C-alpha cells in the first residue's frame, strides 16, 4: 500500500513539472506539434521504385481496402494555405507575437475550411495574453 501511495505522489510530482504543462506560452508542446504538422503536409520528393503485390484469388476486398506497397496516403493541402500557416508559425518562432496573431487571424479568414483550422485556433488562444 505504501508503495502505491509513493507511486501516486511521484507521478503527481512528475506531471506537475513545467515540461509537462500545456500552459507554457514559450513551451514546445503546441508549437512543436504545429511544426511536425507542417512537415507532414509539406510535399516530399517521390522516389520511383518497383514493387510487387500478391493477393489471394477470391478474397473479398474492395479496391480501396487494398494496401499497395510504397503507396503513401499523406494528407494534401493547398500550397498557399500551407505557406500562410508556415508564415504565422515562423513569426511566432521569431518572437513577433503580434505578427503571429495577425498571421493566424488572416489564415482563418482566408482558409475557413482548412484542415489546419483547429490548430490555428489553438495557436491564437495560446497567443492571447493571460488574465
Protein backbone atom coordinates (compact mmCIF):
# COMPACT_ATOMS: atom_id res chain seq x y z
CA UNK A 1 0.00 0.00 0.00
CA UNK A 2 2.86 2.38 0.87
CA UNK A 3 4.49 1.67 -2.49
CA UNK A 4 1.25 2.52 -4.30
CA UNK A 5 0.91 5.83 -2.43
CA UNK A 6 4.55 6.65 -3.16
CA UNK A 7 3.98 5.89 -6.84
CA UNK A 8 0.99 8.25 -7.00
CA UNK A 9 2.96 11.01 -5.23
CA UNK A 10 5.87 10.56 -7.63
CA UNK A 11 3.52 10.60 -10.62
CA UNK A 12 1.95 13.82 -9.34
CA UNK A 13 5.36 15.46 -8.96
CA UNK A 14 6.41 14.41 -12.46
CA UNK A 15 3.18 15.62 -14.08
CA UNK A 16 3.35 18.94 -12.21
CA UNK A 17 6.77 19.62 -13.73
CA UNK A 18 6.72 22.62 -16.15
CA UNK A 19 7.92 20.45 -19.03
CA UNK A 20 4.56 18.67 -18.97
CA UNK A 21 2.48 21.84 -18.62
CA UNK A 22 0.21 22.78 -21.55
CA UNK A 23 0.01 26.37 -20.26
CA UNK A 24 3.64 27.18 -21.02
CA UNK A 25 3.48 30.05 -23.54
CA UNK A 26 7.04 29.50 -24.77
CA UNK A 27 6.82 25.72 -24.34
CA UNK A 28 7.32 23.32 -27.16
CA UNK A 29 4.21 21.21 -26.85
CA UNK A 30 1.81 23.18 -29.09
CA UNK A 31 4.47 24.79 -31.26
CA UNK A 32 6.43 21.56 -31.75
CA UNK A 33 3.22 19.81 -32.76
CA UNK A 34 2.48 22.59 -35.26
CA UNK A 35 5.98 22.26 -36.74
CA UNK A 36 5.54 18.48 -37.08
CA UNK A 37 2.20 19.03 -38.79
CA UNK A 38 3.80 21.45 -41.25
CA UNK A 39 6.43 18.80 -42.02
CA UNK A 40 3.68 16.23 -42.55
CA UNK A 41 1.86 18.46 -45.06
CA UNK A 42 4.99 19.57 -46.90
CA UNK A 43 5.23 17.62 -50.17
CA UNK A 44 8.11 15.16 -50.32
CA UNK A 45 10.10 14.19 -53.37
CA UNK A 46 8.71 10.94 -54.73
CA UNK A 47 11.24 8.17 -55.27
CA UNK A 48 10.40 5.77 -58.06
CA UNK A 49 10.54 2.13 -57.01
CA UNK A 50 9.35 -1.10 -58.47
CA UNK A 51 7.26 -3.28 -56.20
CA UNK A 52 5.24 -6.44 -56.48
CA UNK A 53 1.94 -7.18 -54.80
CA UNK A 54 0.39 -10.57 -54.28
CA UNK A 55 -3.16 -11.42 -53.44
CA UNK A 56 -5.48 -14.30 -52.80
CA UNK A 57 -7.85 -15.22 -55.59
CA UNK A 58 -11.42 -14.98 -54.43
CA UNK A 59 -10.65 -12.86 -51.38
CA UNK A 60 -13.38 -10.37 -50.55
CA UNK A 61 -11.80 -6.93 -50.67
CA UNK A 62 -12.71 -3.62 -52.22
CA UNK A 63 -10.14 -1.85 -54.35
CA UNK A 64 -9.94 0.92 -51.72
CA UNK A 65 -9.09 -1.58 -48.98
CA UNK A 66 -6.04 -3.00 -50.72
CA UNK A 67 -2.68 -1.78 -49.50
CA UNK A 68 -0.17 -1.08 -52.22
CA UNK A 69 3.43 -1.21 -51.11
CA UNK A 70 5.08 2.17 -51.49
CA UNK A 71 1.77 3.99 -51.74
CA UNK A 72 1.51 6.86 -49.33
CA UNK A 73 -1.75 8.34 -48.23
CA UNK A 74 -0.22 11.51 -46.88
CA UNK A 75 -2.75 14.26 -46.43
CA UNK A 76 -2.54 17.00 -49.02
CA UNK A 77 -3.07 20.69 -48.54
CA UNK A 78 -3.01 23.72 -50.84
CA UNK A 79 0.45 25.36 -51.14
CA UNK A 80 -0.93 28.85 -50.38
CA UNK A 81 -2.74 27.53 -47.32
CA UNK A 82 0.39 25.77 -46.04
CA UNK A 83 2.51 28.84 -46.78
CA UNK A 84 0.24 31.14 -44.77
CA UNK A 85 0.23 28.73 -41.81
CA UNK A 86 4.01 28.31 -42.02
CA UNK A 87 4.49 32.08 -42.06
CA UNK A 88 2.40 32.56 -38.91
CA UNK A 89 4.34 29.84 -37.07
CA UNK A 90 7.67 31.32 -38.19
CA UNK A 91 6.59 34.77 -36.94
CA UNK A 92 5.96 33.22 -33.52
CA UNK A 93 9.35 31.49 -33.64
CA UNK A 94 10.99 34.84 -34.41
CA UNK A 95 9.34 36.36 -31.32
CA UNK A 96 6.82 38.52 -33.21
CA UNK A 97 3.71 37.63 -31.18
CA UNK A 98 1.55 40.39 -32.71
CA UNK A 99 2.60 39.39 -36.22
CA UNK A 100 1.83 35.74 -35.43
CA UNK A 101 -1.62 36.69 -34.13
CA UNK A 102 -2.31 38.68 -37.30
CA UNK A 103 -0.97 35.80 -39.40
CA UNK A 104 -3.23 33.20 -37.77
CA UNK A 105 -6.26 35.52 -37.95
CA UNK A 106 -5.58 36.14 -41.64
CA UNK A 107 -5.14 32.40 -42.18
CA UNK A 108 -8.54 31.70 -40.58
CA UNK A 109 -10.25 34.36 -42.72
CA UNK A 110 -8.73 33.13 -45.99
CA UNK A 111 -9.00 29.39 -45.27
CA UNK A 112 -12.10 28.79 -43.11
CA UNK A 113 -12.41 25.12 -44.13
CA UNK A 114 -8.74 24.23 -43.71
CA UNK A 115 -7.53 21.02 -42.12
CA UNK A 116 -5.29 23.27 -40.03
CA UNK A 117 -8.16 25.44 -38.74
CA UNK A 118 -8.28 23.83 -35.30
CA UNK A 119 -4.51 24.20 -34.91
CA UNK A 120 -4.66 27.88 -35.91
CA UNK A 121 -7.44 28.48 -33.37
CA UNK A 122 -5.40 26.79 -30.63
CA UNK A 123 -2.35 28.86 -31.56
CA UNK A 124 -4.42 32.06 -31.38
CA UNK A 125 -5.74 31.07 -27.98
CA UNK A 126 -2.17 30.39 -26.81
CA UNK A 127 -1.04 33.80 -28.06
CA UNK A 128 -3.75 35.71 -26.16
CA UNK A 129 -2.47 37.47 -23.02
CA UNK A 130 -3.24 35.64 -19.80
CA UNK A 131 -5.67 37.38 -17.45
